[in-house]
PDB file of all heavy atoms in Angstrom:
ATOM      1  N   THR A   1     -10.143   9.188 -46.789  1.00  0.00           N
ATOM      2  CA  THR A   1      -9.698   8.340 -47.766  1.00  0.00           C
ATOM      3  C   THR A   1      -8.507   8.999 -48.561  1.00  0.00           C
ATOM      4  O   THR A   1      -8.668  10.295 -48.790  1.00  0.00           O
ATOM      5  CB  THR A   1     -10.869   8.147 -48.767  1.00  0.00           C
ATOM      6  OG1 THR A   1     -12.022   7.537 -48.051  1.00  0.00           O
ATOM      7  CG2 THR A   1     -10.452   7.169 -49.971  1.00  0.00           C
ATOM      8  N   SER A   2      -7.466   8.337 -48.920  1.00  0.00           N
ATOM      9  CA  SER A   2      -6.392   8.919 -49.572  1.00  0.00           C
ATOM     10  C   SER A   2      -5.828   7.767 -50.587  1.00  0.00           C
ATOM     11  O   SER A   2      -6.102   6.673 -50.458  1.00  0.00           O
ATOM     12  CB  SER A   2      -5.275   9.334 -48.689  1.00  0.00           C
ATOM     13  OG  SER A   2      -4.523   8.205 -48.098  1.00  0.00           O
ATOM     14  N   ILE A   3      -5.054   8.372 -51.636  1.00  0.00           N
ATOM     15  CA  ILE A   3      -4.493   7.486 -52.525  1.00  0.00           C
ATOM     16  C   ILE A   3      -3.024   8.096 -52.826  1.00  0.00           C
ATOM     17  O   ILE A   3      -2.729   9.243 -52.858  1.00  0.00           O
ATOM     18  CB  ILE A   3      -5.184   7.342 -53.949  1.00  0.00           C
ATOM     19  CG1 ILE A   3      -4.605   6.337 -54.821  1.00  0.00           C
ATOM     20  CG2 ILE A   3      -5.363   8.791 -54.483  1.00  0.00           C
ATOM     21  CD1 ILE A   3      -5.432   6.016 -56.011  1.00  0.00           C
ATOM     22  N   ASN A   4      -2.081   7.092 -52.967  1.00  0.00           N
ATOM     23  CA  ASN A   4      -0.550   7.462 -53.163  1.00  0.00           C
ATOM     24  C   ASN A   4       0.049   6.625 -54.213  1.00  0.00           C
ATOM     25  O   ASN A   4      -0.103   5.423 -54.198  1.00  0.00           O
ATOM     26  CB  ASN A   4       0.172   7.447 -51.921  1.00  0.00           C
ATOM     27  CG  ASN A   4       1.529   7.966 -51.953  1.00  0.00           C
ATOM     28  OD1 ASN A   4       1.806   9.074 -52.276  1.00  0.00           O
ATOM     29  ND2 ASN A   4       2.534   7.011 -51.918  1.00  0.00           N
ATOM     30  N   LEU A   5       0.657   7.382 -55.197  1.00  0.00           N
ATOM     31  CA  LEU A   5       1.373   6.611 -56.143  1.00  0.00           C
ATOM     32  C   LEU A   5       2.694   6.069 -55.663  1.00  0.00           C
ATOM     33  O   LEU A   5       3.619   6.822 -55.155  1.00  0.00           O
ATOM     34  CB  LEU A   5       1.639   7.550 -57.295  1.00  0.00           C
ATOM     35  CG  LEU A   5       2.485   6.979 -58.489  1.00  0.00           C
ATOM     36  CD1 LEU A   5       1.859   5.797 -59.125  1.00  0.00           C
ATOM     37  CD2 LEU A   5       2.696   8.102 -59.617  1.00  0.00           C
ATOM     38  N   GLY A   6       2.884   4.788 -55.633  1.00  0.00           N
ATOM     39  CA  GLY A   6       4.066   4.213 -54.967  1.00  0.00           C
ATOM     40  C   GLY A   6       5.208   4.104 -56.023  1.00  0.00           C
ATOM     41  O   GLY A   6       6.427   4.435 -55.658  1.00  0.00           O
ATOM     42  N   SER A   7       5.028   3.758 -57.252  1.00  0.00           N
ATOM     43  CA  SER A   7       5.953   3.604 -58.260  1.00  0.00           C
ATOM     44  C   SER A   7       5.388   3.505 -59.639  1.00  0.00           C
ATOM     45  O   SER A   7       4.308   3.135 -59.714  1.00  0.00           O
ATOM     46  CB  SER A   7       6.927   2.396 -57.969  1.00  0.00           C
ATOM     47  OG  SER A   7       6.051   1.178 -58.079  1.00  0.00           O
ATOM     48  N   ILE A   8       6.195   3.831 -60.629  1.00  0.00           N
ATOM     49  CA  ILE A   8       5.984   3.524 -62.089  1.00  0.00           C
ATOM     50  C   ILE A   8       7.193   2.935 -62.611  1.00  0.00           C
ATOM     51  O   ILE A   8       8.361   3.262 -62.441  1.00  0.00           O
ATOM     52  CB  ILE A   8       5.724   4.904 -62.845  1.00  0.00           C
ATOM     53  CG1 ILE A   8       4.463   5.736 -62.275  1.00  0.00           C
ATOM     54  CG2 ILE A   8       5.498   4.532 -64.305  1.00  0.00           C
ATOM     55  CD1 ILE A   8       4.482   6.939 -62.842  1.00  0.00           C
ATOM     56  N   VAL A   9       6.926   1.741 -63.283  1.00  0.00           N
ATOM     57  CA  VAL A   9       7.993   0.939 -63.850  1.00  0.00           C
ATOM     58  C   VAL A   9       7.618   0.775 -65.244  1.00  0.00           C
ATOM     59  O   VAL A   9       6.491   0.192 -65.606  1.00  0.00           O
ATOM     60  CB  VAL A   9       8.314  -0.423 -63.198  1.00  0.00           C
ATOM     61  CG1 VAL A   9       9.421  -1.128 -63.830  1.00  0.00           C
ATOM     62  CG2 VAL A   9       8.586  -0.095 -61.744  1.00  0.00           C
ATOM     63  N   ALA A  10       8.453   1.131 -66.197  1.00  0.00           N
ATOM     64  CA  ALA A  10       7.979   1.069 -67.576  1.00  0.00           C
ATOM     65  C   ALA A  10       9.201   1.072 -68.542  1.00  0.00           C
ATOM     66  O   ALA A  10      10.334   1.421 -68.180  1.00  0.00           O
ATOM     67  CB  ALA A  10       7.133   2.252 -68.089  1.00  0.00           C
ATOM     68  N   GLY A  11       8.977   0.624 -69.761  1.00  0.00           N
ATOM     69  CA  GLY A  11      10.055   0.672 -70.675  1.00  0.00           C
ATOM     70  C   GLY A  11      10.901  -0.459 -70.833  1.00  0.00           C
ATOM     71  O   GLY A  11      10.842  -1.550 -70.158  1.00  0.00           O
ATOM     72  N   GLY A  12      12.209  -0.318 -71.464  1.00  0.00           N
ATOM     73  CA  GLY A  12      13.110  -1.363 -71.549  1.00  0.00           C
ATOM     74  C   GLY A  12      14.139  -1.421 -70.406  1.00  0.00           C
ATOM     75  O   GLY A  12      15.301  -1.127 -70.641  1.00  0.00           O
ATOM     76  N   VAL A  13      13.468  -1.856 -69.276  1.00  0.00           N
ATOM     77  CA  VAL A  13      14.335  -2.000 -68.105  1.00  0.00           C
ATOM     78  C   VAL A  13      14.814  -3.542 -67.942  1.00  0.00           C
ATOM     79  O   VAL A  13      15.680  -3.675 -66.878  1.00  0.00           O
ATOM     80  CB  VAL A  13      13.607  -1.518 -66.844  1.00  0.00           C
ATOM     81  CG1 VAL A  13      13.294  -0.095 -67.004  1.00  0.00           C
ATOM     82  CG2 VAL A  13      12.392  -2.253 -66.719  1.00  0.00           C
ATOM     83  N   ASP A  14      14.400  -4.372 -68.744  1.00  0.00           N
ATOM     84  CA  ASP A  14      14.771  -5.788 -68.454  1.00  0.00           C
ATOM     85  C   ASP A  14      16.318  -5.997 -68.386  1.00  0.00           C
ATOM     86  O   ASP A  14      16.903  -6.660 -67.431  1.00  0.00           O
ATOM     87  CB  ASP A  14      14.053  -6.653 -69.371  1.00  0.00           C
ATOM     88  CG  ASP A  14      12.693  -6.807 -69.324  1.00  0.00           C
ATOM     89  OD1 ASP A  14      12.139  -6.250 -68.356  1.00  0.00           O
ATOM     90  OD2 ASP A  14      12.063  -7.396 -70.160  1.00  0.00           O
ATOM     91  N   ASN A  15      16.998  -5.531 -69.237  1.00  0.00           N
ATOM     92  CA  ASN A  15      18.456  -5.595 -69.362  1.00  0.00           C
ATOM     93  C   ASN A  15      19.229  -4.818 -68.205  1.00  0.00           C
ATOM     94  O   ASN A  15      20.087  -5.394 -67.674  1.00  0.00           O
ATOM     95  CB  ASN A  15      18.958  -5.114 -70.701  1.00  0.00           C
ATOM     96  CG  ASN A  15      18.713  -6.034 -71.816  1.00  0.00           C
ATOM     97  OD1 ASN A  15      18.165  -7.147 -71.686  1.00  0.00           O
ATOM     98  ND2 ASN A  15      18.839  -5.536 -73.135  1.00  0.00           N
ATOM     99  N   SER A  16      18.680  -3.649 -67.980  1.00  0.00           N
ATOM    100  CA  SER A  16      19.339  -2.922 -66.804  1.00  0.00           C
ATOM    101  C   SER A  16      19.081  -3.518 -65.485  1.00  0.00           C
ATOM    102  O   SER A  16      19.949  -3.313 -64.705  1.00  0.00           O
ATOM    103  CB  SER A  16      18.919  -1.443 -66.910  1.00  0.00           C
ATOM    104  OG  SER A  16      17.569  -1.213 -66.851  1.00  0.00           O
ATOM    105  N   ILE A  17      18.042  -4.077 -65.378  1.00  0.00           N
ATOM    106  CA  ILE A  17      17.613  -4.880 -64.040  1.00  0.00           C
ATOM    107  C   ILE A  17      18.761  -6.027 -63.841  1.00  0.00           C
ATOM    108  O   ILE A  17      19.354  -6.135 -62.768  1.00  0.00           O
ATOM    109  CB  ILE A  17      16.270  -5.341 -64.040  1.00  0.00           C
ATOM    110  CG1 ILE A  17      15.254  -4.108 -63.897  1.00  0.00           C
ATOM    111  CG2 ILE A  17      16.202  -6.295 -62.756  1.00  0.00           C
ATOM    112  CD1 ILE A  17      13.817  -4.596 -63.894  1.00  0.00           C
ATOM    113  N   TYR A  18      18.887  -6.671 -64.915  1.00  0.00           N
ATOM    114  CA  TYR A  18      19.897  -7.826 -64.942  1.00  0.00           C
ATOM    115  C   TYR A  18      21.299  -7.156 -64.671  1.00  0.00           C
ATOM    116  O   TYR A  18      21.968  -7.781 -63.868  1.00  0.00           O
ATOM    117  CB  TYR A  18      19.846  -8.490 -66.257  1.00  0.00           C
ATOM    118  CG  TYR A  18      20.883  -9.515 -66.432  1.00  0.00           C
ATOM    119  CD1 TYR A  18      20.742 -10.847 -65.758  1.00  0.00           C
ATOM    120  CD2 TYR A  18      22.021  -9.339 -67.154  1.00  0.00           C
ATOM    121  CE1 TYR A  18      21.638 -11.747 -65.945  1.00  0.00           C
ATOM    122  CE2 TYR A  18      23.115 -10.386 -67.311  1.00  0.00           C
ATOM    123  CZ  TYR A  18      22.770 -11.581 -66.709  1.00  0.00           C
ATOM    124  OH  TYR A  18      23.687 -12.493 -66.783  1.00  0.00           O
ATOM    125  N   GLN A  19      21.651  -6.085 -65.311  1.00  0.00           N
ATOM    126  CA  GLN A  19      22.931  -5.427 -65.073  1.00  0.00           C
ATOM    127  C   GLN A  19      23.147  -5.077 -63.633  1.00  0.00           C
ATOM    128  O   GLN A  19      24.244  -5.296 -63.067  1.00  0.00           O
ATOM    129  CB  GLN A  19      23.155  -4.361 -66.045  1.00  0.00           C
ATOM    130  CG  GLN A  19      23.241  -4.750 -67.460  1.00  0.00           C
ATOM    131  CD  GLN A  19      23.191  -3.590 -68.618  1.00  0.00           C
ATOM    132  OE1 GLN A  19      23.318  -2.416 -68.083  1.00  0.00           O
ATOM    133  NE2 GLN A  19      23.070  -3.862 -69.687  1.00  0.00           N
ATOM    134  N   ALA A  20      22.008  -4.462 -63.138  1.00  0.00           N
ATOM    135  CA  ALA A  20      22.118  -4.007 -61.605  1.00  0.00           C
ATOM    136  C   ALA A  20      22.384  -5.195 -60.660  1.00  0.00           C
ATOM    137  O   ALA A  20      23.218  -5.022 -59.749  1.00  0.00           O
ATOM    138  CB  ALA A  20      20.879  -3.262 -61.252  1.00  0.00           C
ATOM    139  N   VAL A  21      21.762  -6.352 -60.930  1.00  0.00           N
ATOM    140  CA  VAL A  21      22.116  -7.500 -60.152  1.00  0.00           C
ATOM    141  C   VAL A  21      23.496  -7.975 -60.359  1.00  0.00           C
ATOM    142  O   VAL A  21      24.245  -8.171 -59.310  1.00  0.00           O
ATOM    143  CB  VAL A  21      21.050  -8.480 -60.399  1.00  0.00           C
ATOM    144  CG1 VAL A  21      21.466  -9.895 -59.678  1.00  0.00           C
ATOM    145  CG2 VAL A  21      19.620  -8.106 -60.109  1.00  0.00           C
ATOM    146  N   GLU A  22      23.809  -8.077 -61.647  1.00  0.00           N
ATOM    147  CA  GLU A  22      25.240  -8.541 -61.954  1.00  0.00           C
ATOM    148  C   GLU A  22      26.351  -7.641 -61.361  1.00  0.00           C
ATOM    149  O   GLU A  22      27.382  -8.110 -60.942  1.00  0.00           O
ATOM    150  CB  GLU A  22      25.442  -8.592 -63.456  1.00  0.00           C
ATOM    151  CG  GLU A  22      24.671  -9.802 -64.162  1.00  0.00           C
ATOM    152  CD  GLU A  22      25.220 -11.162 -63.683  1.00  0.00           C
ATOM    153  OE1 GLU A  22      26.398 -11.380 -64.139  1.00  0.00           O
ATOM    154  OE2 GLU A  22      24.577 -12.018 -63.089  1.00  0.00           O
ATOM    155  N   ASN A  23      26.038  -6.322 -61.287  1.00  0.00           N
ATOM    156  CA  ASN A  23      27.053  -5.375 -60.889  1.00  0.00           C
ATOM    157  C   ASN A  23      26.972  -5.065 -59.316  1.00  0.00           C
ATOM    158  O   ASN A  23      27.665  -4.122 -58.923  1.00  0.00           O
ATOM    159  CB  ASN A  23      26.969  -4.125 -61.663  1.00  0.00           C
ATOM    160  CG  ASN A  23      27.429  -4.282 -63.114  1.00  0.00           C
ATOM    161  OD1 ASN A  23      28.382  -5.053 -63.399  1.00  0.00           O
ATOM    162  ND2 ASN A  23      26.719  -3.627 -64.046  1.00  0.00           N
ATOM    163  N   ASN A  24      26.003  -5.728 -58.686  1.00  0.00           N
ATOM    164  CA  ASN A  24      25.828  -5.609 -57.196  1.00  0.00           C
ATOM    165  C   ASN A  24      25.556  -4.039 -56.827  1.00  0.00           C
ATOM    166  O   ASN A  24      26.215  -3.514 -55.878  1.00  0.00           O
ATOM    167  CB  ASN A  24      27.126  -6.085 -56.396  1.00  0.00           C
ATOM    168  CG  ASN A  24      27.305  -7.541 -56.511  1.00  0.00           C
ATOM    169  OD1 ASN A  24      26.279  -8.309 -56.470  1.00  0.00           O
ATOM    170  ND2 ASN A  24      28.456  -8.034 -56.816  1.00  0.00           N
ATOM    171  N   ILE A  25      24.754  -3.511 -57.639  1.00  0.00           N
ATOM    172  CA  ILE A  25      24.456  -2.111 -57.300  1.00  0.00           C
ATOM    173  C   ILE A  25      23.552  -1.985 -56.034  1.00  0.00           C
ATOM    174  O   ILE A  25      22.651  -2.784 -55.855  1.00  0.00           O
ATOM    175  CB  ILE A  25      23.548  -1.446 -58.470  1.00  0.00           C
ATOM    176  CG1 ILE A  25      24.360  -1.704 -59.920  1.00  0.00           C
ATOM    177  CG2 ILE A  25      23.168  -0.090 -58.342  1.00  0.00           C
ATOM    178  CD1 ILE A  25      25.655  -0.836 -59.871  1.00  0.00           C
ATOM    179  N   ALA A  26      24.002  -1.054 -55.207  1.00  0.00           N
ATOM    180  CA  ALA A  26      23.242  -0.930 -53.913  1.00  0.00           C
ATOM    181  C   ALA A  26      21.846  -0.524 -54.092  1.00  0.00           C
ATOM    182  O   ALA A  26      21.438   0.196 -55.028  1.00  0.00           O
ATOM    183  CB  ALA A  26      23.967   0.228 -53.162  1.00  0.00           C
ATOM    184  N   PRO A  27      21.033  -1.082 -53.258  1.00  0.00           N
ATOM    185  CA  PRO A  27      19.581  -0.804 -53.346  1.00  0.00           C
ATOM    186  C   PRO A  27      19.261   0.777 -53.459  1.00  0.00           C
ATOM    187  O   PRO A  27      18.247   1.068 -54.080  1.00  0.00           O
ATOM    188  CB  PRO A  27      18.902  -1.447 -52.076  1.00  0.00           C
ATOM    189  CG  PRO A  27      20.080  -2.448 -51.698  1.00  0.00           C
ATOM    190  CD  PRO A  27      21.317  -1.940 -52.136  1.00  0.00           C
ATOM    191  N   ALA A  28      19.981   1.485 -52.645  1.00  0.00           N
ATOM    192  CA  ALA A  28      19.698   3.060 -52.798  1.00  0.00           C
ATOM    193  C   ALA A  28      19.814   3.623 -54.140  1.00  0.00           C
ATOM    194  O   ALA A  28      19.434   4.634 -54.441  1.00  0.00           O
ATOM    195  CB  ALA A  28      20.566   3.726 -51.655  1.00  0.00           C
ATOM    196  N   ASP A  29      20.790   2.928 -54.901  1.00  0.00           N
ATOM    197  CA  ASP A  29      21.155   3.409 -56.256  1.00  0.00           C
ATOM    198  C   ASP A  29      20.464   2.780 -57.298  1.00  0.00           C
ATOM    199  O   ASP A  29      20.669   3.140 -58.518  1.00  0.00           O
ATOM    200  CB  ASP A  29      22.651   3.350 -56.470  1.00  0.00           C
ATOM    201  CG  ASP A  29      23.426   4.226 -55.303  1.00  0.00           C
ATOM    202  OD1 ASP A  29      22.949   5.239 -55.001  1.00  0.00           O
ATOM    203  OD2 ASP A  29      24.463   3.652 -54.870  1.00  0.00           O
ATOM    204  N   ALA A  30      19.837   1.630 -57.026  1.00  0.00           N
ATOM    205  CA  ALA A  30      19.272   0.687 -58.095  1.00  0.00           C
ATOM    206  C   ALA A  30      18.216   1.434 -59.055  1.00  0.00           C
ATOM    207  O   ALA A  30      18.323   1.164 -60.271  1.00  0.00           O
ATOM    208  CB  ALA A  30      18.624  -0.412 -57.473  1.00  0.00           C
ATOM    209  N   ALA A  31      17.380   2.305 -58.477  1.00  0.00           N
ATOM    210  CA  ALA A  31      16.342   2.749 -59.315  1.00  0.00           C
ATOM    211  C   ALA A  31      16.867   3.646 -60.336  1.00  0.00           C
ATOM    212  O   ALA A  31      16.606   3.704 -61.619  1.00  0.00           O
ATOM    213  CB  ALA A  31      15.326   3.579 -58.426  1.00  0.00           C
ATOM    214  N   GLN A  32      17.837   4.559 -59.911  1.00  0.00           N
ATOM    215  CA  GLN A  32      18.459   5.509 -60.830  1.00  0.00           C
ATOM    216  C   GLN A  32      19.188   4.689 -61.939  1.00  0.00           C
ATOM    217  O   GLN A  32      19.241   5.052 -63.138  1.00  0.00           O
ATOM    218  CB  GLN A  32      19.287   6.439 -60.154  1.00  0.00           C
ATOM    219  CG  GLN A  32      19.902   7.552 -61.168  1.00  0.00           C
ATOM    220  CD  GLN A  32      21.013   8.540 -60.284  1.00  0.00           C
ATOM    221  OE1 GLN A  32      22.011   8.056 -60.127  1.00  0.00           O
ATOM    222  NE2 GLN A  32      20.319   9.617 -60.187  1.00  0.00           N
ATOM    223  N   TYR A  33      19.945   3.769 -61.457  1.00  0.00           N
ATOM    224  CA  TYR A  33      20.736   2.879 -62.341  1.00  0.00           C
ATOM    225  C   TYR A  33      19.942   2.103 -63.540  1.00  0.00           C
ATOM    226  O   TYR A  33      20.201   2.334 -64.713  1.00  0.00           O
ATOM    227  CB  TYR A  33      21.595   1.809 -61.634  1.00  0.00           C
ATOM    228  CG  TYR A  33      22.472   0.919 -62.503  1.00  0.00           C
ATOM    229  CD1 TYR A  33      23.918   1.218 -62.610  1.00  0.00           C
ATOM    230  CD2 TYR A  33      22.045  -0.240 -63.056  1.00  0.00           C
ATOM    231  CE1 TYR A  33      24.648   0.414 -63.328  1.00  0.00           C
ATOM    232  CE2 TYR A  33      22.782  -0.969 -63.877  1.00  0.00           C
ATOM    233  CZ  TYR A  33      24.136  -0.712 -63.872  1.00  0.00           C
ATOM    234  OH  TYR A  33      24.984  -1.377 -64.782  1.00  0.00           O
ATOM    235  N   VAL A  34      18.813   1.544 -62.931  1.00  0.00           N
ATOM    236  CA  VAL A  34      17.967   0.828 -63.972  1.00  0.00           C
ATOM    237  C   VAL A  34      17.373   1.790 -64.906  1.00  0.00           C
ATOM    238  O   VAL A  34      17.290   1.438 -66.071  1.00  0.00           O
ATOM    239  CB  VAL A  34      16.917   0.098 -63.113  1.00  0.00           C
ATOM    240  CG1 VAL A  34      15.687  -0.429 -64.060  1.00  0.00           C
ATOM    241  CG2 VAL A  34      17.480  -1.172 -62.269  1.00  0.00           C
ATOM    242  N   CYS A  35      17.024   2.910 -64.400  1.00  0.00           N
ATOM    243  CA  CYS A  35      16.394   3.898 -65.435  1.00  0.00           C
ATOM    244  C   CYS A  35      17.323   4.519 -66.429  1.00  0.00           C
ATOM    245  O   CYS A  35      17.197   4.422 -67.632  1.00  0.00           O
ATOM    246  CB  CYS A  35      15.820   5.143 -64.610  1.00  0.00           C
ATOM    247  SG  CYS A  35      15.034   6.404 -65.663  1.00  0.00           S
ATOM    248  N   PHE A  36      18.521   4.863 -65.753  1.00  0.00           N
ATOM    249  CA  PHE A  36      19.536   5.528 -66.876  1.00  0.00           C
ATOM    250  C   PHE A  36      20.275   4.601 -67.772  1.00  0.00           C
ATOM    251  O   PHE A  36      20.786   4.926 -68.709  1.00  0.00           O
ATOM    252  CB  PHE A  36      20.534   6.330 -66.072  1.00  0.00           C
ATOM    253  CG  PHE A  36      20.060   7.637 -65.351  1.00  0.00           C
ATOM    254  CD1 PHE A  36      20.741   8.329 -64.496  1.00  0.00           C
ATOM    255  CD2 PHE A  36      18.686   7.947 -65.523  1.00  0.00           C
ATOM    256  CE1 PHE A  36      20.307   9.505 -63.886  1.00  0.00           C
ATOM    257  CE2 PHE A  36      18.148   9.232 -65.107  1.00  0.00           C
ATOM    258  CZ  PHE A  36      18.991   9.891 -64.085  1.00  0.00           C
ATOM    259  N   LYS A  37      20.232   3.317 -67.310  1.00  0.00           N
ATOM    260  CA  LYS A  37      20.785   2.267 -68.231  1.00  0.00           C
ATOM    261  C   LYS A  37      19.848   1.427 -68.988  1.00  0.00           C
ATOM    262  O   LYS A  37      20.161   0.495 -69.702  1.00  0.00           O
ATOM    263  CB  LYS A  37      21.627   1.288 -67.317  1.00  0.00           C
ATOM    264  CG  LYS A  37      22.832   1.733 -66.453  1.00  0.00           C
ATOM    265  CD  LYS A  37      23.939   2.269 -67.347  1.00  0.00           C
ATOM    266  CE  LYS A  37      25.125   2.719 -66.611  1.00  0.00           C
ATOM    267  NZ  LYS A  37      26.260   3.141 -67.434  1.00  0.00           N
TER     268      LYS A  37
END
């Protein structure tokens, strides 16, 4: 038996998610972009 944390998503990311889509941010860079923005 094992357990693994896959992701944590929290905070004011709604706007930065929208910006990532609008700016066509590459999937590999999207997590950092969403967090830092």
